[in-house]
Amino acid sequence: PKKLLGVPADQAEREGMALLQRVGLAD
């Protein structure tokens, strides 16, 4: 997302954590 979609780093990390939460891997 950061490299190809140009998503800012902080936004990419927030969205990434949300996805990891969804798949049960936040920890």
PDB file of all heavy atoms in Angstrom:
ATOM      1  N   PRO A   1       0.809  -1.224   0.000  1.00  0.00           N
ATOM      2  CA  PRO A   1       0.000   0.000   0.000  1.00  0.00           C
ATOM      3  C   PRO A   1       0.841   1.272   0.000  1.00  0.00           C
ATOM      4  O   PRO A   1       0.503   2.248  -0.678  1.00  0.00           O
ATOM      5  CB  PRO A   1      -0.831  -0.135   1.286  1.00  0.00           C
ATOM      6  CG  PRO A   1      -0.917  -1.601   1.521  1.00  0.00           C
ATOM      7  CD  PRO A   1       0.391  -2.151   1.067  1.00  0.00           C
ATOM      8  N   LYS A   2       1.946   1.263   0.751  1.00  0.00           N
ATOM      9  CA  LYS A   2       2.797   2.463   0.784  1.00  0.00           C
ATOM     10  C   LYS A   2       3.507   2.681  -0.542  1.00  0.00           C
ATOM     11  O   LYS A   2       3.533   3.798  -1.063  1.00  0.00           O
ATOM     12  CB  LYS A   2       3.825   2.335   1.918  1.00  0.00           C
ATOM     13  CG  LYS A   2       3.224   2.462   3.305  1.00  0.00           C
ATOM     14  CD  LYS A   2       4.272   2.630   4.386  1.00  0.00           C
ATOM     15  CE  LYS A   2       5.092   1.381   4.592  1.00  0.00           C
ATOM     16  NZ  LYS A   2       6.030   1.507   5.740  1.00  0.00           N
ATOM     17  N   LYS A   3       4.044   1.596  -1.107  1.00  0.00           N
ATOM     18  CA  LYS A   3       4.851   1.735  -2.315  1.00  0.00           C
ATOM     19  C   LYS A   3       4.014   1.903  -3.578  1.00  0.00           C
ATOM     20  O   LYS A   3       4.317   2.734  -4.447  1.00  0.00           O
ATOM     21  CB  LYS A   3       5.769   0.524  -2.459  1.00  0.00           C
ATOM     22  CG  LYS A   3       6.707   0.604  -3.652  1.00  0.00           C
ATOM     23  CD  LYS A   3       7.663  -0.568  -3.677  1.00  0.00           C
ATOM     24  CE  LYS A   3       8.631  -0.473  -4.856  1.00  0.00           C
ATOM     25  NZ  LYS A   3       9.592  -1.598  -4.899  1.00  0.00           N
ATOM     26  N   LEU A   4       2.932   1.117  -3.692  1.00  0.00           N
ATOM     27  CA  LEU A   4       2.171   1.096  -4.941  1.00  0.00           C
ATOM     28  C   LEU A   4       0.960   2.018  -4.934  1.00  0.00           C
ATOM     29  O   LEU A   4       0.584   2.550  -5.982  1.00  0.00           O
ATOM     30  CB  LEU A   4       1.723  -0.342  -5.245  1.00  0.00           C
ATOM     31  CG  LEU A   4       2.856  -1.359  -5.435  1.00  0.00           C
ATOM     32  CD1 LEU A   4       2.282  -2.758  -5.664  1.00  0.00           C
ATOM     33  CD2 LEU A   4       3.772  -0.959  -6.591  1.00  0.00           C
ATOM     34  N   LEU A   5       0.327   2.172  -3.770  1.00  0.00           N
ATOM     35  CA  LEU A   5      -0.863   3.024  -3.698  1.00  0.00           C
ATOM     36  C   LEU A   5      -0.552   4.417  -3.156  1.00  0.00           C
ATOM     37  O   LEU A   5      -1.435   5.291  -3.172  1.00  0.00           O
ATOM     38  CB  LEU A   5      -1.935   2.357  -2.811  1.00  0.00           C
ATOM     39  CG  LEU A   5      -2.456   0.987  -3.262  1.00  0.00           C
ATOM     40  CD1 LEU A   5      -3.553   0.509  -2.308  1.00  0.00           C
ATOM     41  CD2 LEU A   5      -2.985   1.048  -4.688  1.00  0.00           C
ATOM     42  N   GLY A   6       0.670   4.596  -2.644  1.00  0.00           N
ATOM     43  CA  GLY A   6       1.037   5.914  -2.113  1.00  0.00           C
ATOM     44  C   GLY A   6       0.350   6.249  -0.803  1.00  0.00           C
ATOM     45  O   GLY A   6       0.182   7.426  -0.461  1.00  0.00           O
ATOM     46  N   VAL A   7      -0.060   5.217  -0.048  1.00  0.00           N
ATOM     47  CA  VAL A   7      -0.717   5.455   1.240  1.00  0.00           C
ATOM     48  C   VAL A   7       0.330   5.956   2.242  1.00  0.00           C
ATOM     49  O   VAL A   7       1.406   5.352   2.365  1.00  0.00           O
ATOM     50  CB  VAL A   7      -1.383   4.160   1.759  1.00  0.00           C
ATOM     51  CG1 VAL A   7      -2.012   4.394   3.132  1.00  0.00           C
ATOM     52  CG2 VAL A   7      -2.421   3.663   0.765  1.00  0.00           C
ATOM     53  N   PRO A   8       0.063   7.054   2.957  1.00  0.00           N
ATOM     54  CA  PRO A   8       1.022   7.541   3.969  1.00  0.00           C
ATOM     55  C   PRO A   8       1.330   6.465   4.993  1.00  0.00           C
ATOM     56  O   PRO A   8       0.476   5.632   5.317  1.00  0.00           O
ATOM     57  CB  PRO A   8       0.284   8.731   4.596  1.00  0.00           C
ATOM     58  CG  PRO A   8      -0.683   9.182   3.538  1.00  0.00           C
ATOM     59  CD  PRO A   8      -1.113   7.929   2.832  1.00  0.00           C
ATOM     60  N   ALA A   9       2.535   6.470   5.514  1.00  0.00           N
ATOM     61  CA  ALA A   9       3.006   5.405   6.405  1.00  0.00           C
ATOM     62  C   ALA A   9       2.115   5.220   7.615  1.00  0.00           C
ATOM     63  O   ALA A   9       1.775   4.083   7.986  1.00  0.00           O
ATOM     64  CB  ALA A   9       4.446   5.704   6.843  1.00  0.00           C
ATOM     65  N   ASP A  10       1.718   6.334   8.270  1.00  0.00           N
ATOM     66  CA  ASP A  10       0.900   6.182   9.482  1.00  0.00           C
ATOM     67  C   ASP A  10      -0.469   5.594   9.162  1.00  0.00           C
ATOM     68  O   ASP A  10      -1.006   4.767   9.911  1.00  0.00           O
ATOM     69  CB  ASP A  10       0.772   7.522  10.219  1.00  0.00           C
ATOM     70  CG  ASP A  10       0.152   8.621   9.360  1.00  0.00           C
ATOM     71  OD1 ASP A  10       0.101   8.449   8.106  1.00  0.00           O
ATOM     72  OD2 ASP A  10      -0.277   9.640   9.916  1.00  0.00           O
ATOM     73  N   GLN A  11      -1.048   6.004   8.030  1.00  0.00           N
ATOM     74  CA  GLN A  11      -2.343   5.455   7.622  1.00  0.00           C
ATOM     75  C   GLN A  11      -2.207   3.970   7.267  1.00  0.00           C
ATOM     76  O   GLN A  11      -3.048   3.150   7.645  1.00  0.00           O
ATOM     77  CB  GLN A  11      -2.905   6.222   6.425  1.00  0.00           C
ATOM     78  CG  GLN A  11      -4.251   5.685   5.934  1.00  0.00           C
ATOM     79  CD  GLN A  11      -4.748   6.413   4.680  1.00  0.00           C
ATOM     80  OE1 GLN A  11      -4.282   7.492   4.342  1.00  0.00           O
ATOM     81  NE2 GLN A  11      -5.697   5.807   3.982  1.00  0.00           N
ATOM     82  N   ALA A  12      -1.128   3.635   6.538  1.00  0.00           N
ATOM     83  CA  ALA A  12      -0.912   2.240   6.152  1.00  0.00           C
ATOM     84  C   ALA A  12      -0.755   1.358   7.388  1.00  0.00           C
ATOM     85  O   ALA A  12      -1.271   0.229   7.424  1.00  0.00           O
ATOM     86  CB  ALA A  12       0.324   2.127   5.262  1.00  0.00           C
ATOM     87  N   GLU A  13      -0.091   1.849   8.420  1.00  0.00           N
ATOM     88  CA  GLU A  13       0.095   1.064   9.633  1.00  0.00           C
ATOM     89  C   GLU A  13      -1.209   0.901  10.400  1.00  0.00           C
ATOM     90  O   GLU A  13      -1.489  -0.159  10.948  1.00  0.00           O
ATOM     91  CB  GLU A  13       1.175   1.710  10.512  1.00  0.00           C
ATOM     92  CG  GLU A  13       2.568   1.575   9.899  1.00  0.00           C
ATOM     93  CD  GLU A  13       3.646   2.153  10.785  1.00  0.00           C
ATOM     94  OE1 GLU A  13       3.338   2.533  11.936  1.00  0.00           O
ATOM     95  OE2 GLU A  13       4.813   2.216  10.330  1.00  0.00           O
ATOM     96  N   ARG A  14      -2.023   1.985  10.451  1.00  0.00           N
ATOM     97  CA  ARG A  14      -3.326   1.874  11.122  1.00  0.00           C
ATOM     98  C   ARG A  14      -4.199   0.838  10.417  1.00  0.00           C
ATOM     99  O   ARG A  14      -4.816  -0.021  11.064  1.00  0.00           O
ATOM    100  CB  ARG A  14      -4.042   3.234  11.134  1.00  0.00           C
ATOM    101  CG  ARG A  14      -3.482   4.240  12.119  1.00  0.00           C
ATOM    102  CD  ARG A  14      -4.489   5.383  12.351  1.00  0.00           C
ATOM    103  NE  ARG A  14      -4.933   5.994  11.107  1.00  0.00           N
ATOM    104  CZ  ARG A  14      -4.304   7.010  10.506  1.00  0.00           C
ATOM    105  NH1 ARG A  14      -3.188   7.488  11.026  1.00  0.00           N
ATOM    106  NH2 ARG A  14      -4.785   7.522   9.391  1.00  0.00           N
ATOM    107  N   GLU A  15      -4.255   0.938   9.077  1.00  0.00           N
ATOM    108  CA  GLU A  15      -5.076   0.004   8.318  1.00  0.00           C
ATOM    109  C   GLU A  15      -4.501  -1.419   8.403  1.00  0.00           C
ATOM    110  O   GLU A  15      -5.240  -2.401   8.473  1.00  0.00           O
ATOM    111  CB  GLU A  15      -5.167   0.456   6.858  1.00  0.00           C
ATOM    112  CG  GLU A  15      -5.943   1.759   6.694  1.00  0.00           C
ATOM    113  CD  GLU A  15      -5.975   2.246   5.256  1.00  0.00           C
ATOM    114  OE1 GLU A  15      -5.308   1.633   4.392  1.00  0.00           O
ATOM    115  OE2 GLU A  15      -6.667   3.268   4.992  1.00  0.00           O
ATOM    116  N   GLY A  16      -3.152  -1.488   8.421  1.00  0.00           N
ATOM    117  CA  GLY A  16      -2.522  -2.798   8.544  1.00  0.00           C
ATOM    118  C   GLY A  16      -2.844  -3.465   9.868  1.00  0.00           C
ATOM    119  O   GLY A  16      -3.122  -4.665   9.919  1.00  0.00           O
ATOM    120  N   MET A  17      -2.811  -2.711  10.948  1.00  0.00           N
ATOM    121  CA  MET A  17      -3.159  -3.272  12.260  1.00  0.00           C
ATOM    122  C   MET A  17      -4.608  -3.722  12.311  1.00  0.00           C
ATOM    123  O   MET A  17      -4.939  -4.734  12.927  1.00  0.00           O
ATOM    124  CB  MET A  17      -2.881  -2.241  13.361  1.00  0.00           C
ATOM    125  CG  MET A  17      -1.404  -2.098  13.718  1.00  0.00           C
ATOM    126  SD  MET A  17      -0.643  -3.647  14.283  1.00  0.00           S
ATOM    127  CE  MET A  17      -1.668  -4.053  15.714  1.00  0.00           C
ATOM    128  N   ALA A  18      -5.481  -2.940  11.649  1.00  0.00           N
ATOM    129  CA  ALA A  18      -6.897  -3.328  11.607  1.00  0.00           C
ATOM    130  C   ALA A  18      -7.069  -4.667  10.874  1.00  0.00           C
ATOM    131  O   ALA A  18      -7.867  -5.516  11.287  1.00  0.00           O
ATOM    132  CB  ALA A  18      -7.715  -2.233  10.926  1.00  0.00           C
ATOM    133  N   LEU A  19      -6.304  -4.850   9.794  1.00  0.00           N
ATOM    134  CA  LEU A  19      -6.386  -6.109   9.053  1.00  0.00           C
ATOM    135  C   LEU A  19      -5.817  -7.268   9.872  1.00  0.00           C
ATOM    136  O   LEU A  19      -6.373  -8.371   9.862  1.00  0.00           O
ATOM    137  CB  LEU A  19      -5.632  -5.978   7.728  1.00  0.00           C
ATOM    138  CG  LEU A  19      -6.286  -5.089   6.673  1.00  0.00           C
ATOM    139  CD1 LEU A  19      -5.367  -4.922   5.472  1.00  0.00           C
ATOM    140  CD2 LEU A  19      -7.630  -5.675   6.245  1.00  0.00           C
ATOM    141  N   LEU A  20      -4.721  -7.009  10.582  1.00  0.00           N
ATOM    142  CA  LEU A  20      -4.161  -8.062  11.423  1.00  0.00           C
ATOM    143  C   LEU A  20      -5.114  -8.423  12.557  1.00  0.00           C
ATOM    144  O   LEU A  20      -5.224  -9.594  12.946  1.00  0.00           O
ATOM    145  CB  LEU A  20      -2.802  -7.625  11.983  1.00  0.00           C
ATOM    146  CG  LEU A  20      -1.672  -7.522  10.952  1.00  0.00           C
ATOM    147  CD1 LEU A  20      -0.396  -7.011  11.613  1.00  0.00           C
ATOM    148  CD2 LEU A  20      -1.427  -8.873  10.282  1.00  0.00           C
ATOM    149  N   GLN A  21      -5.804  -7.426  13.069  1.00  0.00           N
ATOM    150  CA  GLN A  21      -6.827  -7.691  14.084  1.00  0.00           C
ATOM    151  C   GLN A  21      -7.912  -8.588  13.500  1.00  0.00           C
ATOM    152  O   GLN A  21      -8.366  -9.537  14.136  1.00  0.00           O
ATOM    153  CB  GLN A  21      -7.431  -6.370  14.573  1.00  0.00           C
ATOM    154  CG  GLN A  21      -8.508  -6.527  15.650  1.00  0.00           C
ATOM    155  CD  GLN A  21      -7.915  -6.888  16.998  1.00  0.00           C
ATOM    156  OE1 GLN A  21      -6.852  -6.376  17.355  1.00  0.00           O
ATOM    157  NE2 GLN A  21      -8.583  -7.776  17.728  1.00  0.00           N
ATOM    158  N   ARG A  22      -8.274  -8.313  12.269  1.00  0.00           N
ATOM    159  CA  ARG A  22      -9.342  -9.080  11.625  1.00  0.00           C
ATOM    160  C   ARG A  22      -8.951 -10.539  11.431  1.00  0.00           C
ATOM    161  O   ARG A  22      -9.795 -11.427  11.563  1.00  0.00           O
ATOM    162  CB  ARG A  22      -9.681  -8.455  10.271  1.00  0.00           C
ATOM    163  CG  ARG A  22     -10.737  -9.223   9.525  1.00  0.00           C
ATOM    164  CD  ARG A  22     -11.217  -8.501   8.307  1.00  0.00           C
ATOM    165  NE  ARG A  22     -12.332  -9.209   7.710  1.00  0.00           N
ATOM    166  CZ  ARG A  22     -13.007  -8.797   6.669  1.00  0.00           C
ATOM    167  NH1 ARG A  22     -12.704  -7.656   6.087  1.00  0.00           N
ATOM    168  NH2 ARG A  22     -14.016  -9.510   6.198  1.00  0.00           N
ATOM    169  N   VAL A  23      -7.692 -10.798  11.104  1.00  0.00           N
ATOM    170  CA  VAL A  23      -7.274 -12.178  10.876  1.00  0.00           C
ATOM    171  C   VAL A  23      -6.682 -12.814  12.131  1.00  0.00           C
ATOM    172  O   VAL A  23      -6.100 -13.909  12.076  1.00  0.00           O
ATOM    173  CB  VAL A  23      -6.264 -12.277   9.705  1.00  0.00           C
ATOM    174  CG1 VAL A  23      -6.878 -11.756   8.423  1.00  0.00           C
ATOM    175  CG2 VAL A  23      -4.955 -11.567  10.027  1.00  0.00           C
ATOM    176  N   GLY A  24      -6.814 -12.128  13.266  1.00  0.00           N
ATOM    177  CA  GLY A  24      -6.392 -12.705  14.535  1.00  0.00           C
ATOM    178  C   GLY A  24      -4.894 -12.677  14.776  1.00  0.00           C
ATOM    179  O   GLY A  24      -4.366 -13.520  15.512  1.00  0.00           O
ATOM    180  N   LEU A  25      -4.193 -11.684  14.201  1.00  0.00           N
ATOM    181  CA  LEU A  25      -2.735 -11.644  14.329  1.00  0.00           C
ATOM    182  C   LEU A  25      -2.223 -10.315  14.869  1.00  0.00           C
ATOM    183  O   LEU A  25      -1.044  -9.984  14.697  1.00  0.00           O
ATOM    184  CB  LEU A  25      -2.078 -11.909  12.968  1.00  0.00           C
ATOM    185  CG  LEU A  25      -2.178 -13.327  12.404  1.00  0.00           C
ATOM    186  CD1 LEU A  25      -1.535 -13.400  11.025  1.00  0.00           C
ATOM    187  CD2 LEU A  25      -1.519 -14.343  13.339  1.00  0.00           C
ATOM    188  N   ALA A  26      -3.066  -9.549  15.521  1.00  0.00           N
ATOM    189  CA  ALA A  26      -2.629  -8.249  16.022  1.00  0.00           C
ATOM    190  C   ALA A  26      -1.447  -8.394  16.982  1.00  0.00           C
ATOM    191  O   ALA A  26      -0.538  -7.550  17.006  1.00  0.00           O
ATOM    192  CB  ALA A  26      -3.786  -7.529  16.705  1.00  0.00           C
ATOM    193  N   ASP A  27      -1.427  -9.470  17.749  1.00  0.00           N
ATOM    194  CA  ASP A  27      -0.345  -9.671  18.716  1.00  0.00           C
ATOM    195  C   ASP A  27       0.949 -10.155  18.063  1.00  0.00           C
ATOM    196  O   ASP A  27       1.981 -10.264  18.727  1.00  0.00           O
ATOM    197  CB  ASP A  27      -0.776 -10.663  19.795  1.00  0.00           C
ATOM    198  CG  ASP A  27      -1.107 -12.039  19.235  1.00  0.00           C
ATOM    199  OD1 ASP A  27      -1.529 -12.111  18.057  1.00  0.00           O
ATOM    200  OD2 ASP A  27      -0.949 -13.042  19.960  1.00  0.00           O
TER     201      ASP A  27
END
